[in-house]
Amino acid sequence: MIYGERIRFRRDERSDLPKFVEWLNDPDVRRFISANLPLSQANEDGWFEDMLKHPLEEQPFAIEIRDGDGWRLIGNCGLFGFDQRSHSAEAGIMIGDKSCWNKGYGTETMRLLLRVGFGTLNLNRVFLRVDAANQGGIRAYEKAGFVHEGRFREGTFRDGHYEDMLFMSVLRSGRDADDKKGKPHGK
Protein backbone atom coordinates (compact mmCIF):
# COMPACT_ATOMS: atom_id res chain seq x y z
CA MET A 1 0.00 0.00 0.00
CA ILE A 2 1.03 3.59 -0.59
CA TYR A 3 -0.49 6.00 1.89
CA GLY A 4 -1.39 9.66 1.62
CA GLU A 5 -3.17 11.80 4.20
CA ARG A 6 -6.71 10.61 3.48
CA ILE A 7 -6.18 8.07 0.70
CA ARG A 8 -4.18 5.01 -0.10
CA PHE A 9 -3.17 3.29 -3.30
CA ARG A 10 -3.28 -0.43 -3.83
CA ARG A 11 -3.23 -2.53 -6.98
CA ASP A 12 -6.44 -2.98 -8.93
CA GLU A 13 -8.00 -6.36 -8.23
CA ARG A 14 -10.38 -8.47 -10.29
CA SER A 15 -13.00 -7.87 -7.58
CA ASP A 16 -12.88 -4.10 -8.38
CA LEU A 17 -14.05 -4.62 -11.95
CA PRO A 18 -17.83 -4.58 -11.35
CA LYS A 19 -17.47 -1.19 -9.63
CA PHE A 20 -15.34 0.11 -12.54
CA VAL A 21 -18.01 -1.07 -15.01
CA GLU A 22 -20.70 0.72 -12.98
CA TRP A 23 -18.68 3.95 -12.98
CA LEU A 24 -17.64 3.75 -16.63
CA ASN A 25 -21.27 3.30 -17.64
CA ASP A 26 -22.24 6.52 -15.85
CA PRO A 27 -22.14 9.37 -18.43
CA ASP A 28 -21.14 11.89 -15.72
CA VAL A 29 -18.08 9.82 -14.76
CA ARG A 30 -17.21 8.97 -18.35
CA ARG A 31 -17.47 12.58 -19.58
CA PHE A 32 -13.86 13.62 -19.06
CA ILE A 33 -12.01 10.34 -19.40
CA SER A 34 -10.92 8.50 -22.52
CA ALA A 35 -13.80 5.99 -22.36
CA ASN A 36 -16.40 7.43 -24.71
CA LEU A 37 -18.79 4.49 -24.91
CA PRO A 38 -20.44 2.25 -22.33
CA LEU A 39 -18.70 -1.05 -21.72
CA SER A 40 -19.54 -4.53 -20.51
CA GLN A 41 -18.09 -6.67 -17.76
CA ALA A 42 -16.43 -8.71 -20.52
CA ASN A 43 -14.75 -5.53 -21.85
CA GLU A 44 -13.42 -4.72 -18.39
CA ASP A 45 -12.29 -8.33 -17.85
CA GLY A 46 -10.29 -8.08 -21.10
CA TRP A 47 -8.77 -4.75 -20.01
CA PHE A 48 -7.74 -6.32 -16.70
CA GLU A 49 -6.08 -9.34 -18.34
CA ASP A 50 -4.20 -7.06 -20.76
CA MET A 51 -3.15 -4.70 -17.96
CA LEU A 52 -1.55 -7.57 -16.02
CA LYS A 53 0.87 -8.09 -18.94
CA HIS A 54 2.29 -4.56 -18.52
CA PRO A 55 5.31 -3.81 -16.29
CA LEU A 56 4.36 -3.07 -12.67
CA GLU A 57 5.07 0.65 -13.02
CA GLU A 58 2.44 0.87 -15.78
CA GLN A 59 -0.25 -0.99 -13.85
CA PRO A 60 -2.84 1.33 -12.28
CA PHE A 61 -3.62 1.81 -8.63
CA ALA A 62 -6.99 1.61 -6.94
CA ILE A 63 -7.71 4.75 -4.90
CA GLU A 64 -9.29 4.13 -1.52
CA ILE A 65 -10.47 6.33 1.34
CA ARG A 66 -11.07 5.47 4.99
CA ASP A 67 -14.58 4.17 5.61
CA GLY A 68 -15.16 3.36 9.29
CA ASP A 69 -12.60 0.73 10.24
CA GLY A 70 -11.89 -0.19 6.63
CA TRP A 71 -11.24 1.31 3.22
CA ARG A 72 -13.61 2.13 0.34
CA LEU A 73 -12.75 2.13 -3.37
CA ILE A 74 -13.40 5.53 -5.01
CA GLY A 75 -11.44 5.35 -8.27
CA ASN A 76 -8.18 4.48 -9.91
CA CYS A 77 -5.10 6.23 -11.26
CA GLY A 78 -1.77 5.46 -12.78
CA LEU A 79 1.21 6.37 -14.89
CA PHE A 80 1.57 5.06 -18.43
CA GLY A 81 3.33 5.74 -21.73
CA PHE A 82 6.75 5.69 -20.08
CA ASP A 83 9.59 7.21 -22.08
CA GLN A 84 12.77 5.67 -20.65
CA ARG A 85 15.08 8.08 -22.46
CA SER A 86 13.48 11.27 -21.13
CA HIS A 87 12.23 9.73 -17.86
CA SER A 88 8.66 10.91 -18.44
CA ALA A 89 5.22 9.36 -18.20
CA GLU A 90 1.60 10.38 -18.56
CA ALA A 91 -0.75 10.45 -15.57
CA GLY A 92 -4.38 9.41 -15.58
CA ILE A 93 -7.07 9.49 -12.91
CA MET A 94 -10.71 8.56 -12.47
CA ILE A 95 -12.65 9.37 -9.32
CA GLY A 96 -15.66 7.19 -10.08
CA ASP A 97 -17.49 7.59 -6.79
CA LYS A 98 -19.41 10.82 -7.37
CA SER A 99 -19.98 11.29 -3.63
CA CYS A 100 -16.22 11.96 -3.46
CA TRP A 101 -16.14 14.69 -6.11
CA ASN A 102 -15.12 18.23 -5.06
CA LYS A 103 -13.59 17.06 -1.78
CA GLY A 104 -9.90 17.32 -2.67
CA TYR A 105 -9.35 13.63 -3.40
CA GLY A 106 -8.26 14.36 -6.98
CA THR A 107 -5.59 16.80 -5.81
CA GLU A 108 -4.37 14.43 -3.11
CA THR A 109 -4.32 11.54 -5.60
CA MET A 110 -2.21 13.51 -8.06
CA ARG A 111 0.23 14.61 -5.32
CA LEU A 112 0.65 11.02 -4.17
CA LEU A 113 1.02 9.83 -7.76
CA LEU A 114 3.77 12.44 -8.29
CA ARG A 115 5.51 11.20 -5.14
CA VAL A 116 5.52 7.70 -6.62
CA GLY A 117 6.62 8.94 -10.06
CA PHE A 118 9.48 11.12 -8.88
CA GLY A 119 10.53 9.37 -5.67
CA THR A 120 10.08 5.71 -6.58
CA LEU A 121 10.16 5.51 -10.38
CA ASN A 122 12.85 8.17 -10.97
CA LEU A 123 10.78 10.18 -13.43
CA ASN A 124 11.82 13.67 -14.42
CA ARG A 125 8.50 14.80 -15.92
CA VAL A 126 4.88 13.77 -15.42
CA PHE A 127 2.32 15.14 -17.85
CA LEU A 128 -1.36 14.80 -18.53
CA ARG A 129 -4.02 15.77 -21.01
CA VAL A 130 -7.24 17.33 -19.78
CA ASP A 131 -10.38 18.47 -21.57
CA ALA A 132 -10.51 22.28 -21.39
CA ALA A 133 -14.10 22.05 -20.12
CA ASN A 134 -13.01 19.95 -17.11
CA GLN A 135 -12.59 22.91 -14.75
CA GLY A 136 -12.65 20.75 -11.61
CA GLY A 137 -9.87 18.55 -12.93
CA ILE A 138 -7.79 21.52 -14.04
CA ARG A 139 -8.06 23.11 -10.58
CA ALA A 140 -7.04 19.83 -8.92
CA TYR A 141 -4.03 19.48 -11.21
CA GLU A 142 -2.94 23.07 -10.63
CA LYS A 143 -3.18 22.57 -6.84
CA ALA A 144 -1.01 19.47 -7.22
CA GLY A 145 1.67 21.54 -9.01
CA PHE A 146 0.91 20.96 -12.68
CA VAL A 147 1.49 23.90 -15.02
CA HIS A 148 -0.09 24.54 -18.40
CA GLU A 149 2.11 23.66 -21.36
CA GLY A 150 -0.15 24.00 -24.33
CA ARG A 151 -3.51 23.59 -25.97
CA PHE A 152 -4.58 21.33 -28.80
CA ARG A 153 -7.39 23.28 -30.38
CA GLU A 154 -10.41 21.05 -30.97
CA GLY A 155 -8.22 18.15 -29.92
CA THR A 156 -11.03 15.91 -28.73
CA PHE A 157 -14.52 15.05 -29.86
CA ARG A 158 -17.12 14.66 -27.14
CA ASP A 159 -20.90 14.92 -26.94
CA GLY A 160 -21.31 15.88 -30.58
CA HIS A 161 -18.70 18.64 -30.79
CA TYR A 162 -14.97 19.28 -30.72
CA GLU A 163 -13.34 20.63 -27.56
CA ASP A 164 -9.88 21.90 -26.79
CA MET A 165 -7.46 19.62 -24.98
CA LEU A 166 -4.94 21.10 -22.53
CA PHE A 167 -1.52 19.69 -21.75
CA MET A 168 -0.10 20.14 -18.25
CA SER A 169 3.04 18.83 -16.54
CA VAL A 170 5.21 18.83 -13.45
CA LEU A 171 9.00 18.61 -13.45
CA ARG A 172 10.93 16.87 -10.69
CA SER A 173 13.44 19.73 -10.49
CA GLY A 174 10.86 22.10 -9.06
CA ARG A 175 11.50 24.53 -11.91
CA ASP A 176 7.74 24.97 -12.18
CA ALA A 177 7.63 26.44 -8.68
CA ASP A 178 10.55 28.75 -9.55
CA ASP A 179 8.74 29.86 -12.71
CA LYS A 180 5.72 30.87 -10.65
CA LYS A 181 7.96 32.89 -8.32
CA GLY A 182 9.79 34.55 -11.21
CA LYS A 183 13.14 32.99 -10.28
CA PRO A 184 15.68 31.98 -12.91
CA HIS A 185 16.10 28.23 -13.34
CA GLY A 186 18.68 26.61 -11.10
CA LYS A 187 18.98 29.56 -8.73
C-alpha atoms as a PDB file:
ATOM      1  CA  MET A   1       0.000   0.000   0.000  1.00  0.00           C
ATOM      2  CA  ILE A   2       1.035   3.585  -0.588  1.00  0.00           C
ATOM      3  CA  TYR A   3      -0.494   6.000   1.894  1.00  0.00           C
ATOM      4  CA  GLY A   4      -1.386   9.663   1.620  1.00  0.00           C
ATOM      5  CA  GLU A   5      -3.168  11.800   4.200  1.00  0.00           C
ATOM      6  CA  ARG A   6      -6.708  10.607   3.484  1.00  0.00           C
ATOM      7  CA  ILE A   7      -6.184   8.074   0.704  1.00  0.00           C
ATOM      8  CA  ARG A   8      -4.181   5.012  -0.104  1.00  0.00           C
ATOM      9  CA  PHE A   9      -3.173   3.288  -3.304  1.00  0.00           C
ATOM     10  CA  ARG A  10      -3.279  -0.426  -3.829  1.00  0.00           C
ATOM     11  CA  ARG A  11      -3.228  -2.525  -6.980  1.00  0.00           C
ATOM     12  CA  ASP A  12      -6.438  -2.982  -8.930  1.00  0.00           C
ATOM     13  CA  GLU A  13      -8.000  -6.363  -8.234  1.00  0.00           C
ATOM     14  CA  ARG A  14     -10.378  -8.466 -10.294  1.00  0.00           C
ATOM     15  CA  SER A  15     -13.003  -7.869  -7.578  1.00  0.00           C
ATOM     16  CA  ASP A  16     -12.876  -4.104  -8.378  1.00  0.00           C
ATOM     17  CA  LEU A  17     -14.052  -4.617 -11.948  1.00  0.00           C
ATOM     18  CA  PRO A  18     -17.829  -4.580 -11.346  1.00  0.00           C
ATOM     19  CA  LYS A  19     -17.472  -1.189  -9.629  1.00  0.00           C
ATOM     20  CA  PHE A  20     -15.344   0.107 -12.536  1.00  0.00           C
ATOM     21  CA  VAL A  21     -18.010  -1.070 -15.009  1.00  0.00           C
ATOM     22  CA  GLU A  22     -20.697   0.718 -12.980  1.00  0.00           C
ATOM     23  CA  TRP A  23     -18.678   3.952 -12.977  1.00  0.00           C
ATOM     24  CA  LEU A  24     -17.641   3.755 -16.631  1.00  0.00           C
ATOM     25  CA  ASN A  25     -21.268   3.303 -17.642  1.00  0.00           C
ATOM     26  CA  ASP A  26     -22.235   6.523 -15.851  1.00  0.00           C
ATOM     27  CA  PRO A  27     -22.140   9.372 -18.426  1.00  0.00           C
ATOM     28  CA  ASP A  28     -21.136  11.892 -15.719  1.00  0.00           C
ATOM     29  CA  VAL A  29     -18.077   9.823 -14.756  1.00  0.00           C
ATOM     30  CA  ARG A  30     -17.214   8.973 -18.350  1.00  0.00           C
ATOM     31  CA  ARG A  31     -17.471  12.581 -19.576  1.00  0.00           C
ATOM     32  CA  PHE A  32     -13.857  13.623 -19.059  1.00  0.00           C
ATOM     33  CA  ILE A  33     -12.005  10.338 -19.401  1.00  0.00           C
ATOM     34  CA  SER A  34     -10.917   8.500 -22.518  1.00  0.00           C
ATOM     35  CA  ALA A  35     -13.800   5.988 -22.355  1.00  0.00           C
ATOM     36  CA  ASN A  36     -16.399   7.430 -24.710  1.00  0.00           C
ATOM     37  CA  LEU A  37     -18.792   4.492 -24.909  1.00  0.00           C
ATOM     38  CA  PRO A  38     -20.436   2.248 -22.334  1.00  0.00           C
ATOM     39  CA  LEU A  39     -18.701  -1.055 -21.723  1.00  0.00           C
ATOM     40  CA  SER A  40     -19.541  -4.526 -20.512  1.00  0.00           C
ATOM     41  CA  GLN A  41     -18.089  -6.673 -17.759  1.00  0.00           C
ATOM     42  CA  ALA A  42     -16.429  -8.714 -20.524  1.00  0.00           C
ATOM     43  CA  ASN A  43     -14.751  -5.526 -21.852  1.00  0.00           C
ATOM     44  CA  GLU A  44     -13.423  -4.724 -18.392  1.00  0.00           C
ATOM     45  CA  ASP A  45     -12.286  -8.328 -17.846  1.00  0.00           C
ATOM     46  CA  GLY A  46     -10.289  -8.081 -21.099  1.00  0.00           C
ATOM     47  CA  TRP A  47      -8.768  -4.753 -20.007  1.00  0.00           C
ATOM     48  CA  PHE A  48      -7.736  -6.322 -16.701  1.00  0.00           C
ATOM     49  CA  GLU A  49      -6.076  -9.339 -18.342  1.00  0.00           C
ATOM     50  CA  ASP A  50      -4.202  -7.060 -20.760  1.00  0.00           C
ATOM     51  CA  MET A  51      -3.149  -4.700 -17.956  1.00  0.00           C
ATOM     52  CA  LEU A  52      -1.554  -7.568 -16.019  1.00  0.00           C
ATOM     53  CA  LYS A  53       0.870  -8.085 -18.940  1.00  0.00           C
ATOM     54  CA  HIS A  54       2.292  -4.559 -18.517  1.00  0.00           C
ATOM     55  CA  PRO A  55       5.310  -3.808 -16.295  1.00  0.00           C
ATOM     56  CA  LEU A  56       4.358  -3.069 -12.667  1.00  0.00           C
ATOM     57  CA  GLU A  57       5.075   0.654 -13.016  1.00  0.00           C
ATOM     58  CA  GLU A  58       2.441   0.867 -15.780  1.00  0.00           C
ATOM     59  CA  GLN A  59      -0.253  -0.994 -13.852  1.00  0.00           C
ATOM     60  CA  PRO A  60      -2.835   1.330 -12.282  1.00  0.00           C
ATOM     61  CA  PHE A  61      -3.623   1.807  -8.631  1.00  0.00           C
ATOM     62  CA  ALA A  62      -6.991   1.609  -6.937  1.00  0.00           C
ATOM     63  CA  ILE A  63      -7.710   4.749  -4.904  1.00  0.00           C
ATOM     64  CA  GLU A  64      -9.293   4.129  -1.516  1.00  0.00           C
ATOM     65  CA  ILE A  65     -10.471   6.331   1.345  1.00  0.00           C
ATOM     66  CA  ARG A  66     -11.074   5.468   4.992  1.00  0.00           C
ATOM     67  CA  ASP A  67     -14.575   4.167   5.613  1.00  0.00           C
ATOM     68  CA  GLY A  68     -15.159   3.360   9.288  1.00  0.00           C
ATOM     69  CA  ASP A  69     -12.601   0.733  10.240  1.00  0.00           C
ATOM     70  CA  GLY A  70     -11.894  -0.188   6.626  1.00  0.00           C
ATOM     71  CA  TRP A  71     -11.238   1.314   3.217  1.00  0.00           C
ATOM     72  CA  ARG A  72     -13.609   2.125   0.341  1.00  0.00           C
ATOM     73  CA  LEU A  73     -12.749   2.134  -3.368  1.00  0.00           C
ATOM     74  CA  ILE A  74     -13.400   5.534  -5.011  1.00  0.00           C
ATOM     75  CA  GLY A  75     -11.441   5.348  -8.271  1.00  0.00           C
ATOM     76  CA  ASN A  76      -8.178   4.483  -9.911  1.00  0.00           C
ATOM     77  CA  CYS A  77      -5.103   6.233 -11.255  1.00  0.00           C
ATOM     78  CA  GLY A  78      -1.765   5.461 -12.778  1.00  0.00           C
ATOM     79  CA  LEU A  79       1.209   6.366 -14.888  1.00  0.00           C
ATOM     80  CA  PHE A  80       1.571   5.065 -18.435  1.00  0.00           C
ATOM     81  CA  GLY A  81       3.325   5.741 -21.725  1.00  0.00           C
ATOM     82  CA  PHE A  82       6.749   5.693 -20.082  1.00  0.00           C
ATOM     83  CA  ASP A  83       9.591   7.209 -22.082  1.00  0.00           C
ATOM     84  CA  GLN A  84      12.768   5.668 -20.647  1.00  0.00           C
ATOM     85  CA  ARG A  85      15.077   8.075 -22.455  1.00  0.00           C
ATOM     86  CA  SER A  86      13.481  11.268 -21.131  1.00  0.00           C
ATOM     87  CA  HIS A  87      12.228   9.732 -17.862  1.00  0.00           C
ATOM     88  CA  SER A  88       8.665  10.907 -18.442  1.00  0.00           C
ATOM     89  CA  ALA A  89       5.217   9.362 -18.197  1.00  0.00           C
ATOM     90  CA  GLU A  90       1.597  10.383 -18.561  1.00  0.00           C
ATOM     91  CA  ALA A  91      -0.748  10.446 -15.569  1.00  0.00           C
ATOM     92  CA  GLY A  92      -4.378   9.407 -15.576  1.00  0.00           C
ATOM     93  CA  ILE A  93      -7.070   9.488 -12.906  1.00  0.00           C
ATOM     94  CA  MET A  94     -10.713   8.556 -12.468  1.00  0.00           C
ATOM     95  CA  ILE A  95     -12.654   9.370  -9.322  1.00  0.00           C
ATOM     96  CA  GLY A  96     -15.659   7.190 -10.083  1.00  0.00           C
ATOM     97  CA  ASP A  97     -17.494   7.586  -6.785  1.00  0.00           C
ATOM     98  CA  LYS A  98     -19.410  10.819  -7.370  1.00  0.00           C
ATOM     99  CA  SER A  99     -19.975  11.293  -3.625  1.00  0.00           C
ATOM    100  CA  CYS A 100     -16.219  11.960  -3.464  1.00  0.00           C
ATOM    101  CA  TRP A 101     -16.140  14.693  -6.109  1.00  0.00           C
ATOM    102  CA  ASN A 102     -15.119  18.228  -5.056  1.00  0.00           C
ATOM    103  CA  LYS A 103     -13.588  17.057  -1.776  1.00  0.00           C
ATOM    104  CA  GLY A 104      -9.898  17.321  -2.670  1.00  0.00           C
ATOM    105  CA  TYR A 105      -9.352  13.635  -3.396  1.00  0.00           C
ATOM    106  CA  GLY A 106      -8.261  14.356  -6.984  1.00  0.00           C
ATOM    107  CA  THR A 107      -5.586  16.797  -5.805  1.00  0.00           C
ATOM    108  CA  GLU A 108      -4.369  14.426  -3.106  1.00  0.00           C
ATOM    109  CA  THR A 109      -4.317  11.545  -5.596  1.00  0.00           C
ATOM    110  CA  MET A 110      -2.206  13.513  -8.056  1.00  0.00           C
ATOM    111  CA  ARG A 111       0.231  14.606  -5.322  1.00  0.00           C
ATOM    112  CA  LEU A 112       0.648  11.016  -4.172  1.00  0.00           C
ATOM    113  CA  LEU A 113       1.024   9.826  -7.763  1.00  0.00           C
ATOM    114  CA  LEU A 114       3.766  12.437  -8.291  1.00  0.00           C
ATOM    115  CA  ARG A 115       5.514  11.200  -5.141  1.00  0.00           C
ATOM    116  CA  VAL A 116       5.516   7.696  -6.623  1.00  0.00           C
ATOM    117  CA  GLY A 117       6.616   8.936 -10.058  1.00  0.00           C
ATOM    118  CA  PHE A 118       9.482  11.122  -8.879  1.00  0.00           C
ATOM    119  CA  GLY A 119      10.528   9.371  -5.671  1.00  0.00           C
ATOM    120  CA  THR A 120      10.085   5.714  -6.585  1.00  0.00           C
ATOM    121  CA  LEU A 121      10.164   5.510 -10.380  1.00  0.00           C
ATOM    122  CA  ASN A 122      12.853   8.173 -10.971  1.00  0.00           C
ATOM    123  CA  LEU A 123      10.778  10.177 -13.431  1.00  0.00           C
ATOM    124  CA  ASN A 124      11.816  13.672 -14.422  1.00  0.00           C
ATOM    125  CA  ARG A 125       8.499  14.802 -15.919  1.00  0.00           C
ATOM    126  CA  VAL A 126       4.884  13.767 -15.420  1.00  0.00           C
ATOM    127  CA  PHE A 127       2.324  15.142 -17.849  1.00  0.00           C
ATOM    128  CA  LEU A 128      -1.356  14.803 -18.529  1.00  0.00           C
ATOM    129  CA  ARG A 129      -4.023  15.766 -21.006  1.00  0.00           C
ATOM    130  CA  VAL A 130      -7.237  17.332 -19.783  1.00  0.00           C
ATOM    131  CA  ASP A 131     -10.377  18.466 -21.566  1.00  0.00           C
ATOM    132  CA  ALA A 132     -10.513  22.284 -21.390  1.00  0.00           C
ATOM    133  CA  ALA A 133     -14.102  22.054 -20.116  1.00  0.00           C
ATOM    134  CA  ASN A 134     -13.010  19.952 -17.111  1.00  0.00           C
ATOM    135  CA  GLN A 135     -12.591  22.905 -14.750  1.00  0.00           C
ATOM    136  CA  GLY A 136     -12.646  20.747 -11.608  1.00  0.00           C
ATOM    137  CA  GLY A 137      -9.870  18.546 -12.934  1.00  0.00           C
ATOM    138  CA  ILE A 138      -7.794  21.522 -14.041  1.00  0.00           C
ATOM    139  CA  ARG A 139      -8.060  23.109 -10.576  1.00  0.00           C
ATOM    140  CA  ALA A 140      -7.043  19.834  -8.920  1.00  0.00           C
ATOM    141  CA  TYR A 141      -4.029  19.476 -11.209  1.00  0.00           C
ATOM    142  CA  GLU A 142      -2.942  23.070 -10.631  1.00  0.00           C
ATOM    143  CA  LYS A 143      -3.176  22.570  -6.844  1.00  0.00           C
ATOM    144  CA  ALA A 144      -1.005  19.472  -7.224  1.00  0.00           C
ATOM    145  CA  GLY A 145       1.666  21.544  -9.013  1.00  0.00           C
ATOM    146  CA  PHE A 146       0.910  20.955 -12.685  1.00  0.00           C
ATOM    147  CA  VAL A 147       1.487  23.903 -15.021  1.00  0.00           C
ATOM    148  CA  HIS A 148      -0.093  24.545 -18.403  1.00  0.00           C
ATOM    149  CA  GLU A 149       2.107  23.660 -21.357  1.00  0.00           C
ATOM    150  CA  GLY A 150      -0.150  23.997 -24.325  1.00  0.00           C
ATOM    151  CA  ARG A 151      -3.506  23.592 -25.973  1.00  0.00           C
ATOM    152  CA  PHE A 152      -4.579  21.329 -28.797  1.00  0.00           C
ATOM    153  CA  ARG A 153      -7.393  23.283 -30.381  1.00  0.00           C
ATOM    154  CA  GLU A 154     -10.410  21.052 -30.966  1.00  0.00           C
ATOM    155  CA  GLY A 155      -8.215  18.146 -29.919  1.00  0.00           C
ATOM    156  CA  THR A 156     -11.027  15.908 -28.732  1.00  0.00           C
ATOM    157  CA  PHE A 157     -14.524  15.054 -29.857  1.00  0.00           C
ATOM    158  CA  ARG A 158     -17.122  14.662 -27.142  1.00  0.00           C
ATOM    159  CA  ASP A 159     -20.898  14.925 -26.937  1.00  0.00           C
ATOM    160  CA  GLY A 160     -21.311  15.883 -30.575  1.00  0.00           C
ATOM    161  CA  HIS A 161     -18.704  18.636 -30.794  1.00  0.00           C
ATOM    162  CA  TYR A 162     -14.971  19.279 -30.722  1.00  0.00           C
ATOM    163  CA  GLU A 163     -13.344  20.629 -27.563  1.00  0.00           C
ATOM    164  CA  ASP A 164      -9.880  21.900 -26.792  1.00  0.00           C
ATOM    165  CA  MET A 165      -7.461  19.615 -24.980  1.00  0.00           C
ATOM    166  CA  LEU A 166      -4.938  21.102 -22.534  1.00  0.00           C
ATOM    167  CA  PHE A 167      -1.517  19.695 -21.746  1.00  0.00           C
ATOM    168  CA  MET A 168      -0.095  20.137 -18.249  1.00  0.00           C
ATOM    169  CA  SER A 169       3.040  18.829 -16.542  1.00  0.00           C
ATOM    170  CA  VAL A 170       5.209  18.833 -13.451  1.00  0.00           C
ATOM    171  CA  LEU A 171       9.000  18.605 -13.452  1.00  0.00           C
ATOM    172  CA  ARG A 172      10.932  16.866 -10.688  1.00  0.00           C
ATOM    173  CA  SER A 173      13.436  19.733 -10.492  1.00  0.00           C
ATOM    174  CA  GLY A 174      10.864  22.102  -9.059  1.00  0.00           C
ATOM    175  CA  ARG A 175      11.501  24.526 -11.910  1.00  0.00           C
ATOM    176  CA  ASP A 176       7.743  24.969 -12.179  1.00  0.00           C
ATOM    177  CA  ALA A 177       7.634  26.440  -8.676  1.00  0.00           C
ATOM    178  CA  ASP A 178      10.549  28.751  -9.546  1.00  0.00           C
ATOM    179  CA  ASP A 179       8.743  29.862 -12.706  1.00  0.00           C
ATOM    180  CA  LYS A 180       5.718  30.869 -10.650  1.00  0.00           C
ATOM    181  CA  LYS A 181       7.955  32.892  -8.319  1.00  0.00           C
ATOM    182  CA  GLY A 182       9.789  34.548 -11.208  1.00  0.00           C
ATOM    183  CA  LYS A 183      13.142  32.995 -10.282  1.00  0.00           C
ATOM    184  CA  PRO A 184      15.680  31.982 -12.913  1.00  0.00           C
ATOM    185  CA  HIS A 185      16.100  28.226 -13.336  1.00  0.00           C
ATOM    186  CA  GLY A 186      18.682  26.610 -11.101  1.00  0.00           C
ATOM    187  CA  LYS A 187      18.977  29.557  -8.730  1.00  0.00           C
END
